[in-house]
Amino acid sequence: MTLAISPGGLPALVLNADYRPLSYYPLSLWSWQDTVKAVFLDRVHIVAEYTQAVSSANFSMRLPSVVCLKNYIKPPRNPAFTRFNVFLRDKFECQYCGSPHDLTFDHVIPRRLGGETSWENVVAACSPCNLRKGGLLPDHAHMWPRQKPYKPSVFDLHMNGRKFPPNYLHESWLDFLYWDVELEP
């Protein structure tokens, strides 16, 4: 019996060798194809499986829902300065009004006044607030960030990432994730 599985269907949660997810946001997931390949290359242990299987003429296997890497991957010491990581640090909220919509970067000290593009000077801002502040200093614009910009640790980003669970969580993943969620029946 051949099982038709969509390319994005039945992903596997990927755990590091210490049984912690490689990342929470985005959640470390592999497609079922990449997971099956990693099993055959003997790079992972299968921790949990779906009820669905894939098969060929002389082979069948249930699809893994949770896998654990055999070799530990050391997490980076410092997170990369990226737009996504700034938004994650700031919990996907404008640091001036709290809006989660239409986010951009804002240089607290504008670049034209010597402000750098760095963790300590950039915050998430919605487009309207960014336009209103313009190239002014916070005191001149009467707009101050809700929190002082800072360089987060990987742990900080993981903790913030846990506040944004993905739309799909398989029940076999819950023992390895730390979100307060209820599964739909």
N, C-alpha and C. Protein backbone atom coordinates (compact mmCIF):
# COMPACT_ATOMS: atom_id res chain seq x y z
N MET A 1 0.85 -1.18 0.00
CA MET A 1 0.00 0.00 0.00
C MET A 1 0.89 1.24 0.00
N THR A 2 0.66 2.14 -0.90
CA THR A 2 1.44 3.36 -1.00
C THR A 2 0.73 4.48 -0.27
N LEU A 3 1.49 5.21 0.51
CA LEU A 3 0.94 6.33 1.27
C LEU A 3 1.33 7.63 0.60
N ALA A 4 0.36 8.45 0.29
CA ALA A 4 0.65 9.76 -0.31
C ALA A 4 0.75 10.78 0.82
N ILE A 5 1.94 11.34 1.00
CA ILE A 5 2.18 12.33 2.06
C ILE A 5 2.61 13.61 1.40
N SER A 6 1.97 14.70 1.78
CA SER A 6 2.36 15.99 1.20
C SER A 6 3.77 16.34 1.65
N PRO A 7 4.51 17.10 0.83
CA PRO A 7 5.89 17.45 1.19
C PRO A 7 6.02 18.13 2.55
N GLY A 8 5.05 18.95 2.95
CA GLY A 8 5.12 19.63 4.24
C GLY A 8 4.47 18.86 5.36
N GLY A 9 3.89 17.71 5.06
CA GLY A 9 3.17 16.94 6.07
C GLY A 9 4.09 16.06 6.91
N LEU A 10 3.66 15.80 8.13
CA LEU A 10 4.34 14.91 9.07
C LEU A 10 5.82 15.23 9.31
N PRO A 11 6.11 16.45 9.71
CA PRO A 11 7.51 16.79 10.03
C PRO A 11 7.95 16.10 11.32
N ALA A 12 9.24 16.01 11.51
CA ALA A 12 9.79 15.43 12.74
C ALA A 12 10.44 16.53 13.57
N LEU A 13 10.18 16.48 14.86
CA LEU A 13 10.86 17.37 15.80
C LEU A 13 12.29 16.88 15.94
N VAL A 14 13.26 17.78 15.82
CA VAL A 14 14.67 17.41 15.89
C VAL A 14 15.24 17.88 17.22
N LEU A 15 15.74 16.91 17.98
CA LEU A 15 16.35 17.19 19.28
C LEU A 15 17.85 17.06 19.17
N ASN A 16 18.55 17.85 19.95
CA ASN A 16 19.99 17.71 20.05
C ASN A 16 20.28 16.43 20.83
N ALA A 17 21.52 16.03 20.94
CA ALA A 17 21.87 14.80 21.64
C ALA A 17 21.51 14.85 23.12
N ASP A 18 21.25 16.05 23.66
CA ASP A 18 20.83 16.18 25.05
C ASP A 18 19.30 16.17 25.20
N TYR A 19 18.61 15.83 24.13
CA TYR A 19 17.14 15.73 24.09
C TYR A 19 16.44 17.07 24.27
N ARG A 20 17.09 18.14 23.90
CA ARG A 20 16.46 19.46 23.85
C ARG A 20 16.33 19.86 22.40
N PRO A 21 15.26 20.58 22.04
CA PRO A 21 15.14 21.03 20.65
C PRO A 21 16.34 21.88 20.24
N LEU A 22 16.74 21.74 18.98
CA LEU A 22 17.83 22.58 18.48
C LEU A 22 17.45 24.05 18.57
N SER A 23 16.19 24.36 18.30
CA SER A 23 15.70 25.73 18.47
C SER A 23 14.20 25.67 18.72
N TYR A 24 13.70 26.72 19.40
CA TYR A 24 12.28 26.83 19.67
C TYR A 24 11.57 27.71 18.67
N TYR A 25 12.25 28.72 18.19
CA TYR A 25 11.60 29.64 17.27
C TYR A 25 12.61 30.10 16.24
N PRO A 26 12.56 29.60 15.04
CA PRO A 26 11.58 28.62 14.61
C PRO A 26 11.87 27.25 15.22
N LEU A 27 10.82 26.49 15.42
CA LEU A 27 10.96 25.17 16.00
C LEU A 27 11.77 24.29 15.06
N SER A 28 12.70 23.52 15.63
CA SER A 28 13.58 22.67 14.82
C SER A 28 12.80 21.46 14.30
N LEU A 29 12.40 21.57 13.05
CA LEU A 29 11.64 20.51 12.38
C LEU A 29 12.33 20.13 11.08
N TRP A 30 12.24 18.86 10.74
CA TRP A 30 12.71 18.38 9.45
C TRP A 30 11.52 17.80 8.70
N SER A 31 11.56 17.88 7.39
CA SER A 31 10.54 17.22 6.57
C SER A 31 10.67 15.71 6.76
N TRP A 32 9.62 15.00 6.45
CA TRP A 32 9.69 13.55 6.61
C TRP A 32 10.77 12.95 5.71
N GLN A 33 11.00 13.57 4.53
CA GLN A 33 12.02 13.06 3.61
C GLN A 33 13.43 13.20 4.22
N ASP A 34 13.71 14.40 4.79
CA ASP A 34 15.02 14.61 5.41
C ASP A 34 15.21 13.71 6.63
N THR A 35 14.12 13.47 7.35
CA THR A 35 14.19 12.62 8.54
C THR A 35 14.51 11.18 8.14
N VAL A 36 13.82 10.67 7.13
CA VAL A 36 14.08 9.29 6.67
C VAL A 36 15.52 9.17 6.18
N LYS A 37 16.00 10.18 5.47
CA LYS A 37 17.39 10.17 5.00
C LYS A 37 18.36 10.12 6.18
N ALA A 38 18.10 10.93 7.23
CA ALA A 38 18.98 10.94 8.41
C ALA A 38 18.96 9.59 9.12
N VAL A 39 17.81 8.92 9.14
CA VAL A 39 17.72 7.58 9.74
C VAL A 39 18.61 6.62 8.96
N PHE A 40 18.49 6.63 7.63
CA PHE A 40 19.29 5.72 6.82
C PHE A 40 20.78 6.02 6.89
N LEU A 41 21.13 7.29 7.10
CA LEU A 41 22.55 7.65 7.23
C LEU A 41 23.05 7.45 8.66
N ASP A 42 22.18 6.94 9.54
CA ASP A 42 22.52 6.63 10.92
C ASP A 42 23.00 7.86 11.70
N ARG A 43 22.34 9.01 11.46
CA ARG A 43 22.71 10.25 12.14
C ARG A 43 21.80 10.57 13.32
N VAL A 44 20.68 9.83 13.43
CA VAL A 44 19.70 10.12 14.47
C VAL A 44 19.19 8.83 15.12
N HIS A 45 18.66 9.00 16.33
CA HIS A 45 17.90 7.94 17.00
C HIS A 45 16.42 8.31 16.82
N ILE A 46 15.60 7.33 16.56
CA ILE A 46 14.16 7.57 16.49
C ILE A 46 13.62 7.51 17.91
N VAL A 47 12.96 8.57 18.34
CA VAL A 47 12.42 8.67 19.69
C VAL A 47 10.92 8.35 19.71
N ALA A 48 10.20 8.83 18.69
CA ALA A 48 8.75 8.58 18.59
C ALA A 48 8.39 8.51 17.11
N GLU A 49 7.26 7.86 16.84
CA GLU A 49 6.84 7.66 15.46
C GLU A 49 5.38 8.04 15.27
N TYR A 50 5.05 8.40 14.03
CA TYR A 50 3.66 8.57 13.62
C TYR A 50 3.07 7.18 13.36
N THR A 51 1.78 7.09 13.20
CA THR A 51 1.17 5.82 12.81
C THR A 51 1.34 5.56 11.32
N GLN A 52 1.54 6.62 10.54
CA GLN A 52 1.71 6.50 9.10
C GLN A 52 3.09 5.93 8.77
N ALA A 53 3.13 5.20 7.67
CA ALA A 53 4.38 4.58 7.24
C ALA A 53 4.62 4.90 5.78
N VAL A 54 5.87 4.76 5.39
CA VAL A 54 6.24 4.82 3.98
C VAL A 54 6.78 3.45 3.62
N SER A 55 6.59 3.08 2.39
CA SER A 55 7.06 1.75 2.00
C SER A 55 7.47 1.73 0.55
N SER A 56 8.29 0.75 0.25
CA SER A 56 8.69 0.48 -1.13
C SER A 56 8.37 -1.00 -1.37
N ALA A 57 8.85 -1.55 -2.45
CA ALA A 57 8.54 -2.93 -2.78
C ALA A 57 9.01 -3.92 -1.70
N ASN A 58 10.15 -3.63 -1.07
CA ASN A 58 10.68 -4.59 -0.09
C ASN A 58 11.01 -3.96 1.26
N PHE A 59 10.45 -2.79 1.55
CA PHE A 59 10.78 -2.12 2.81
C PHE A 59 9.60 -1.28 3.26
N SER A 60 9.40 -1.21 4.57
CA SER A 60 8.37 -0.34 5.14
C SER A 60 8.87 0.19 6.47
N MET A 61 8.56 1.44 6.76
CA MET A 61 8.92 2.01 8.06
C MET A 61 7.90 3.06 8.46
N ARG A 62 7.60 3.09 9.76
CA ARG A 62 6.75 4.16 10.28
C ARG A 62 7.57 5.44 10.28
N LEU A 63 6.90 6.55 9.97
CA LEU A 63 7.61 7.83 9.91
C LEU A 63 7.93 8.33 11.30
N PRO A 64 9.17 8.74 11.53
CA PRO A 64 9.54 9.30 12.84
C PRO A 64 8.85 10.64 13.08
N SER A 65 8.37 10.85 14.30
CA SER A 65 7.79 12.14 14.67
C SER A 65 8.75 12.93 15.54
N VAL A 66 9.66 12.22 16.24
CA VAL A 66 10.70 12.87 17.04
C VAL A 66 11.99 12.09 16.82
N VAL A 67 13.05 12.82 16.50
CA VAL A 67 14.37 12.21 16.37
C VAL A 67 15.37 12.97 17.22
N CYS A 68 16.40 12.28 17.62
CA CYS A 68 17.47 12.87 18.44
C CYS A 68 18.79 12.67 17.71
N LEU A 69 19.54 13.74 17.56
CA LEU A 69 20.85 13.64 16.90
C LEU A 69 21.78 12.75 17.71
N LYS A 70 22.59 11.98 17.01
CA LYS A 70 23.57 11.13 17.70
C LYS A 70 24.77 11.94 18.18
N ASN A 71 25.09 13.00 17.47
CA ASN A 71 26.20 13.87 17.85
C ASN A 71 25.67 15.22 18.31
N TYR A 72 26.16 15.67 19.44
CA TYR A 72 25.73 16.93 20.02
C TYR A 72 26.20 18.10 19.17
N ILE A 73 25.31 19.04 18.91
CA ILE A 73 25.67 20.28 18.20
C ILE A 73 25.69 21.39 19.24
N LYS A 74 26.86 21.96 19.44
CA LYS A 74 27.00 23.03 20.42
C LYS A 74 26.27 24.27 19.92
N PRO A 75 25.35 24.81 20.74
CA PRO A 75 24.65 26.02 20.30
C PRO A 75 25.61 27.19 20.19
N PRO A 76 25.31 28.14 19.30
CA PRO A 76 26.20 29.30 19.18
C PRO A 76 26.21 30.10 20.49
N ARG A 77 27.35 30.67 20.81
CA ARG A 77 27.46 31.47 22.04
C ARG A 77 26.70 32.77 21.92
N ASN A 78 26.79 33.38 20.74
CA ASN A 78 26.14 34.66 20.53
C ASN A 78 25.20 34.55 19.34
N PRO A 79 23.97 35.00 19.51
CA PRO A 79 23.05 34.95 18.37
C PRO A 79 23.45 35.96 17.30
N ALA A 80 23.16 35.63 16.07
CA ALA A 80 23.44 36.53 14.96
C ALA A 80 22.53 37.75 15.04
N PHE A 81 23.07 38.89 14.68
CA PHE A 81 22.26 40.10 14.60
C PHE A 81 21.50 40.05 13.28
N THR A 82 20.23 39.68 13.37
CA THR A 82 19.37 39.62 12.19
C THR A 82 18.06 40.32 12.52
N ARG A 83 17.34 40.68 11.48
CA ARG A 83 16.03 41.31 11.65
C ARG A 83 15.13 40.39 12.49
N PHE A 84 15.10 39.11 12.12
CA PHE A 84 14.25 38.15 12.83
C PHE A 84 14.62 38.09 14.31
N ASN A 85 15.91 38.03 14.62
CA ASN A 85 16.34 37.93 16.02
C ASN A 85 16.05 39.20 16.80
N VAL A 86 16.12 40.36 16.16
CA VAL A 86 15.74 41.61 16.84
C VAL A 86 14.25 41.55 17.17
N PHE A 87 13.43 41.13 16.20
CA PHE A 87 11.99 41.03 16.44
C PHE A 87 11.71 40.02 17.55
N LEU A 88 12.42 38.90 17.54
CA LEU A 88 12.23 37.88 18.58
C LEU A 88 12.64 38.43 19.95
N ARG A 89 13.78 39.11 20.02
CA ARG A 89 14.20 39.73 21.29
C ARG A 89 13.11 40.66 21.82
N ASP A 90 12.50 41.43 20.90
CA ASP A 90 11.49 42.41 21.27
C ASP A 90 10.08 41.83 21.26
N LYS A 91 9.99 40.51 21.20
CA LYS A 91 8.72 39.76 21.29
C LYS A 91 7.72 40.17 20.22
N PHE A 92 8.24 40.50 19.05
CA PHE A 92 7.41 40.84 17.89
C PHE A 92 6.41 41.94 18.20
N GLU A 93 6.88 42.94 18.94
CA GLU A 93 6.07 44.11 19.29
C GLU A 93 6.86 45.38 19.04
N CYS A 94 6.16 46.40 18.54
CA CYS A 94 6.77 47.71 18.40
C CYS A 94 7.19 48.17 19.79
N GLN A 95 8.41 48.63 19.93
CA GLN A 95 8.92 49.05 21.23
C GLN A 95 8.43 50.44 21.62
N TYR A 96 7.64 51.06 20.76
CA TYR A 96 7.07 52.36 21.09
C TYR A 96 5.58 52.26 21.44
N CYS A 97 4.82 51.48 20.68
CA CYS A 97 3.36 51.43 20.93
C CYS A 97 2.85 50.03 21.24
N GLY A 98 3.66 49.00 21.04
CA GLY A 98 3.24 47.63 21.34
C GLY A 98 2.56 46.90 20.20
N SER A 99 2.40 47.55 19.05
CA SER A 99 1.73 46.90 17.92
C SER A 99 2.58 45.74 17.38
N PRO A 100 1.92 44.63 17.02
CA PRO A 100 2.66 43.52 16.41
C PRO A 100 2.67 43.58 14.88
N HIS A 101 2.13 44.64 14.30
CA HIS A 101 1.94 44.71 12.85
C HIS A 101 2.99 45.59 12.16
N ASP A 102 3.35 45.19 10.95
CA ASP A 102 4.17 46.00 10.05
C ASP A 102 5.48 46.44 10.71
N LEU A 103 6.21 45.47 11.30
CA LEU A 103 7.43 45.79 12.04
C LEU A 103 8.60 46.11 11.13
N THR A 104 9.40 47.05 11.58
CA THR A 104 10.64 47.46 10.91
C THR A 104 11.70 47.65 11.99
N PHE A 105 12.91 48.00 11.56
CA PHE A 105 13.99 48.37 12.48
C PHE A 105 13.86 49.85 12.80
N ASP A 106 14.21 50.24 14.01
CA ASP A 106 14.40 51.65 14.31
C ASP A 106 15.72 51.81 15.04
N HIS A 107 16.53 52.74 14.59
CA HIS A 107 17.77 53.09 15.29
C HIS A 107 17.41 54.10 16.37
N VAL A 108 17.57 53.73 17.63
CA VAL A 108 17.22 54.63 18.74
C VAL A 108 18.00 55.92 18.59
N ILE A 109 19.31 55.81 18.44
CA ILE A 109 20.13 56.97 18.06
C ILE A 109 20.27 56.87 16.54
N PRO A 110 19.68 57.80 15.80
CA PRO A 110 19.67 57.69 14.34
C PRO A 110 21.08 57.59 13.75
N ARG A 111 21.16 56.89 12.64
CA ARG A 111 22.46 56.72 11.97
C ARG A 111 23.05 58.07 11.59
N ARG A 112 22.21 59.02 11.21
CA ARG A 112 22.73 60.33 10.80
C ARG A 112 23.40 61.06 11.96
N LEU A 113 23.11 60.62 13.20
CA LEU A 113 23.74 61.21 14.39
C LEU A 113 24.80 60.28 14.99
N GLY A 114 25.24 59.31 14.19
CA GLY A 114 26.31 58.41 14.63
C GLY A 114 25.83 57.11 15.25
N GLY A 115 24.53 56.86 15.25
CA GLY A 115 24.01 55.61 15.80
C GLY A 115 24.41 54.42 14.96
N GLU A 116 24.79 53.34 15.61
CA GLU A 116 25.23 52.14 14.91
C GLU A 116 24.08 51.16 14.73
N THR A 117 24.24 50.28 13.75
CA THR A 117 23.29 49.18 13.57
C THR A 117 23.81 48.04 14.42
N SER A 118 23.35 48.01 15.67
CA SER A 118 23.83 47.01 16.63
C SER A 118 22.70 46.64 17.58
N TRP A 119 22.90 45.56 18.32
CA TRP A 119 21.91 45.12 19.30
C TRP A 119 21.54 46.24 20.26
N GLU A 120 22.54 47.04 20.65
CA GLU A 120 22.34 48.06 21.68
C GLU A 120 21.69 49.35 21.16
N ASN A 121 21.43 49.41 19.84
CA ASN A 121 20.86 50.65 19.29
C ASN A 121 19.65 50.42 18.39
N VAL A 122 19.28 49.19 18.13
CA VAL A 122 18.18 48.90 17.21
C VAL A 122 17.04 48.24 17.98
N VAL A 123 15.82 48.69 17.70
CA VAL A 123 14.62 48.08 18.28
C VAL A 123 13.61 47.81 17.18
N ALA A 124 12.66 46.92 17.46
CA ALA A 124 11.54 46.69 16.56
C ALA A 124 10.58 47.86 16.70
N ALA A 125 10.10 48.36 15.57
CA ALA A 125 9.14 49.47 15.57
C ALA A 125 8.17 49.26 14.42
N CYS A 126 6.92 49.59 14.66
CA CYS A 126 5.95 49.52 13.56
C CYS A 126 6.24 50.68 12.61
N SER A 127 5.81 50.54 11.38
CA SER A 127 6.08 51.60 10.38
C SER A 127 5.56 52.96 10.81
N PRO A 128 4.31 53.06 11.34
CA PRO A 128 3.85 54.40 11.74
C PRO A 128 4.73 55.05 12.82
N CYS A 129 5.14 54.27 13.81
CA CYS A 129 6.01 54.84 14.87
C CYS A 129 7.39 55.20 14.30
N ASN A 130 7.90 54.35 13.43
CA ASN A 130 9.21 54.62 12.83
C ASN A 130 9.16 55.90 12.02
N LEU A 131 8.09 56.10 11.26
CA LEU A 131 7.96 57.34 10.49
C LEU A 131 7.78 58.54 11.40
N ARG A 132 7.00 58.37 12.47
CA ARG A 132 6.77 59.50 13.39
C ARG A 132 8.06 59.90 14.10
N LYS A 133 8.86 58.92 14.49
CA LYS A 133 10.12 59.24 15.17
C LYS A 133 11.13 59.81 14.18
N GLY A 134 11.12 59.26 12.96
CA GLY A 134 12.03 59.75 11.94
C GLY A 134 13.48 59.67 12.36
N GLY A 135 14.25 60.69 12.05
CA GLY A 135 15.66 60.73 12.38
C GLY A 135 15.94 61.48 13.67
N LEU A 136 14.96 61.50 14.57
CA LEU A 136 15.13 62.25 15.82
C LEU A 136 15.59 61.36 16.95
N LEU A 137 16.22 61.98 17.94
CA LEU A 137 16.54 61.28 19.18
C LEU A 137 15.25 61.06 19.96
N PRO A 138 15.20 60.04 20.81
CA PRO A 138 13.98 59.79 21.59
C PRO A 138 13.48 61.01 22.36
N ASP A 139 14.38 61.79 22.96
CA ASP A 139 13.95 62.96 23.73
C ASP A 139 13.29 64.01 22.84
N HIS A 140 13.82 64.20 21.63
CA HIS A 140 13.25 65.19 20.72
C HIS A 140 11.92 64.73 20.13
N ALA A 141 11.78 63.41 19.91
CA ALA A 141 10.55 62.88 19.33
C ALA A 141 9.51 62.58 20.42
N HIS A 142 9.94 62.63 21.68
CA HIS A 142 9.09 62.25 22.81
C HIS A 142 8.60 60.81 22.66
N MET A 143 9.53 59.95 22.21
CA MET A 143 9.26 58.52 22.02
C MET A 143 10.44 57.74 22.57
N TRP A 144 10.17 56.92 23.58
CA TRP A 144 11.22 56.13 24.19
C TRP A 144 10.85 54.66 24.07
N PRO A 145 11.83 53.81 23.77
CA PRO A 145 11.53 52.37 23.69
C PRO A 145 11.04 51.84 25.05
N ARG A 146 10.15 50.85 24.99
CA ARG A 146 9.61 50.23 26.21
C ARG A 146 10.71 49.55 27.00
N GLN A 147 11.70 49.00 26.31
CA GLN A 147 12.85 48.41 26.98
C GLN A 147 14.11 48.89 26.28
N LYS A 148 15.14 49.05 27.04
CA LYS A 148 16.41 49.47 26.48
C LYS A 148 16.93 48.34 25.59
N PRO A 149 17.37 48.68 24.37
CA PRO A 149 17.89 47.61 23.51
C PRO A 149 19.14 46.98 24.12
N TYR A 150 19.24 45.66 23.98
CA TYR A 150 20.37 44.93 24.57
C TYR A 150 20.73 43.76 23.67
N LYS A 151 21.94 43.26 23.88
CA LYS A 151 22.39 42.09 23.14
C LYS A 151 21.87 40.86 23.88
N PRO A 152 20.95 40.10 23.27
CA PRO A 152 20.40 38.94 23.97
C PRO A 152 21.34 37.75 23.90
N SER A 153 21.15 36.84 24.81
CA SER A 153 21.87 35.57 24.74
C SER A 153 21.00 34.60 23.93
N VAL A 154 21.57 33.49 23.53
CA VAL A 154 20.79 32.45 22.86
C VAL A 154 19.67 32.00 23.78
N PHE A 155 19.95 31.92 25.07
CA PHE A 155 18.93 31.54 26.06
C PHE A 155 17.77 32.53 26.05
N ASP A 156 18.07 33.84 26.00
CA ASP A 156 17.01 34.86 25.94
C ASP A 156 16.10 34.63 24.73
N LEU A 157 16.70 34.36 23.57
CA LEU A 157 15.91 34.15 22.37
C LEU A 157 15.08 32.87 22.46
N HIS A 158 15.67 31.82 23.05
CA HIS A 158 14.91 30.58 23.25
C HIS A 158 13.72 30.82 24.18
N MET A 159 13.94 31.56 25.25
CA MET A 159 12.84 31.84 26.19
C MET A 159 11.74 32.64 25.50
N ASN A 160 12.11 33.63 24.71
CA ASN A 160 11.10 34.39 23.98
C ASN A 160 10.41 33.53 22.93
N GLY A 161 11.16 32.66 22.28
CA GLY A 161 10.59 31.78 21.28
C GLY A 161 9.53 30.85 21.85
N ARG A 162 9.67 30.48 23.10
CA ARG A 162 8.68 29.61 23.75
C ARG A 162 7.34 30.31 23.92
N LYS A 163 7.33 31.62 23.82
CA LYS A 163 6.07 32.38 23.95
C LYS A 163 5.26 32.37 22.66
N PHE A 164 5.83 31.80 21.59
CA PHE A 164 5.17 31.79 20.29
C PHE A 164 5.13 30.37 19.74
N PRO A 165 4.28 29.52 20.32
CA PRO A 165 4.24 28.14 19.82
C PRO A 165 3.75 28.11 18.37
N PRO A 166 4.24 27.14 17.61
CA PRO A 166 3.80 27.05 16.22
C PRO A 166 2.32 26.65 16.14
N ASN A 167 1.79 26.79 14.95
CA ASN A 167 0.38 26.45 14.73
C ASN A 167 0.12 24.95 14.88
N TYR A 168 1.14 24.14 14.66
CA TYR A 168 0.97 22.70 14.71
C TYR A 168 1.94 22.10 15.72
N LEU A 169 1.42 21.37 16.67
CA LEU A 169 2.24 20.63 17.63
C LEU A 169 1.70 19.21 17.71
N HIS A 170 2.49 18.25 17.36
CA HIS A 170 2.05 16.86 17.47
C HIS A 170 2.18 16.42 18.92
N GLU A 171 1.26 15.56 19.37
CA GLU A 171 1.26 15.13 20.77
C GLU A 171 2.57 14.46 21.18
N SER A 172 3.26 13.80 20.25
CA SER A 172 4.53 13.14 20.60
C SER A 172 5.65 14.14 20.88
N TRP A 173 5.46 15.40 20.52
CA TRP A 173 6.48 16.42 20.74
C TRP A 173 6.41 17.03 22.13
N LEU A 174 5.26 16.94 22.76
CA LEU A 174 5.02 17.72 23.98
C LEU A 174 5.94 17.39 25.14
N ASP A 175 6.44 16.16 25.21
CA ASP A 175 7.37 15.81 26.29
C ASP A 175 8.70 16.54 26.17
N PHE A 176 8.97 17.11 25.00
CA PHE A 176 10.25 17.75 24.75
C PHE A 176 10.15 19.26 24.61
N LEU A 177 8.93 19.78 24.65
CA LEU A 177 8.69 21.21 24.49
C LEU A 177 8.08 21.77 25.76
N TYR A 178 8.24 23.05 25.97
CA TYR A 178 7.81 23.65 27.21
C TYR A 178 6.87 24.82 26.94
N TRP A 179 5.73 24.50 26.33
CA TRP A 179 4.69 25.48 26.08
C TRP A 179 3.46 25.04 26.84
N ASP A 180 2.67 25.98 27.28
CA ASP A 180 1.36 25.67 27.85
C ASP A 180 0.35 25.72 26.72
N VAL A 181 0.09 24.57 26.15
CA VAL A 181 -0.85 24.51 25.02
C VAL A 181 -1.81 23.36 25.22
N GLU A 182 -2.93 23.48 24.57
CA GLU A 182 -3.88 22.38 24.53
C GLU A 182 -4.01 21.92 23.11
N LEU A 183 -3.97 20.61 22.92
CA LEU A 183 -4.11 20.06 21.58
C LEU A 183 -5.56 20.01 21.20
N GLU A 184 -5.84 20.25 19.92
CA GLU A 184 -7.20 20.13 19.45
C GLU A 184 -7.55 18.65 19.37
N PRO A 185 -8.82 18.28 19.68
CA PRO A 185 -9.19 16.85 19.62
C PRO A 185 -9.16 16.30 18.22
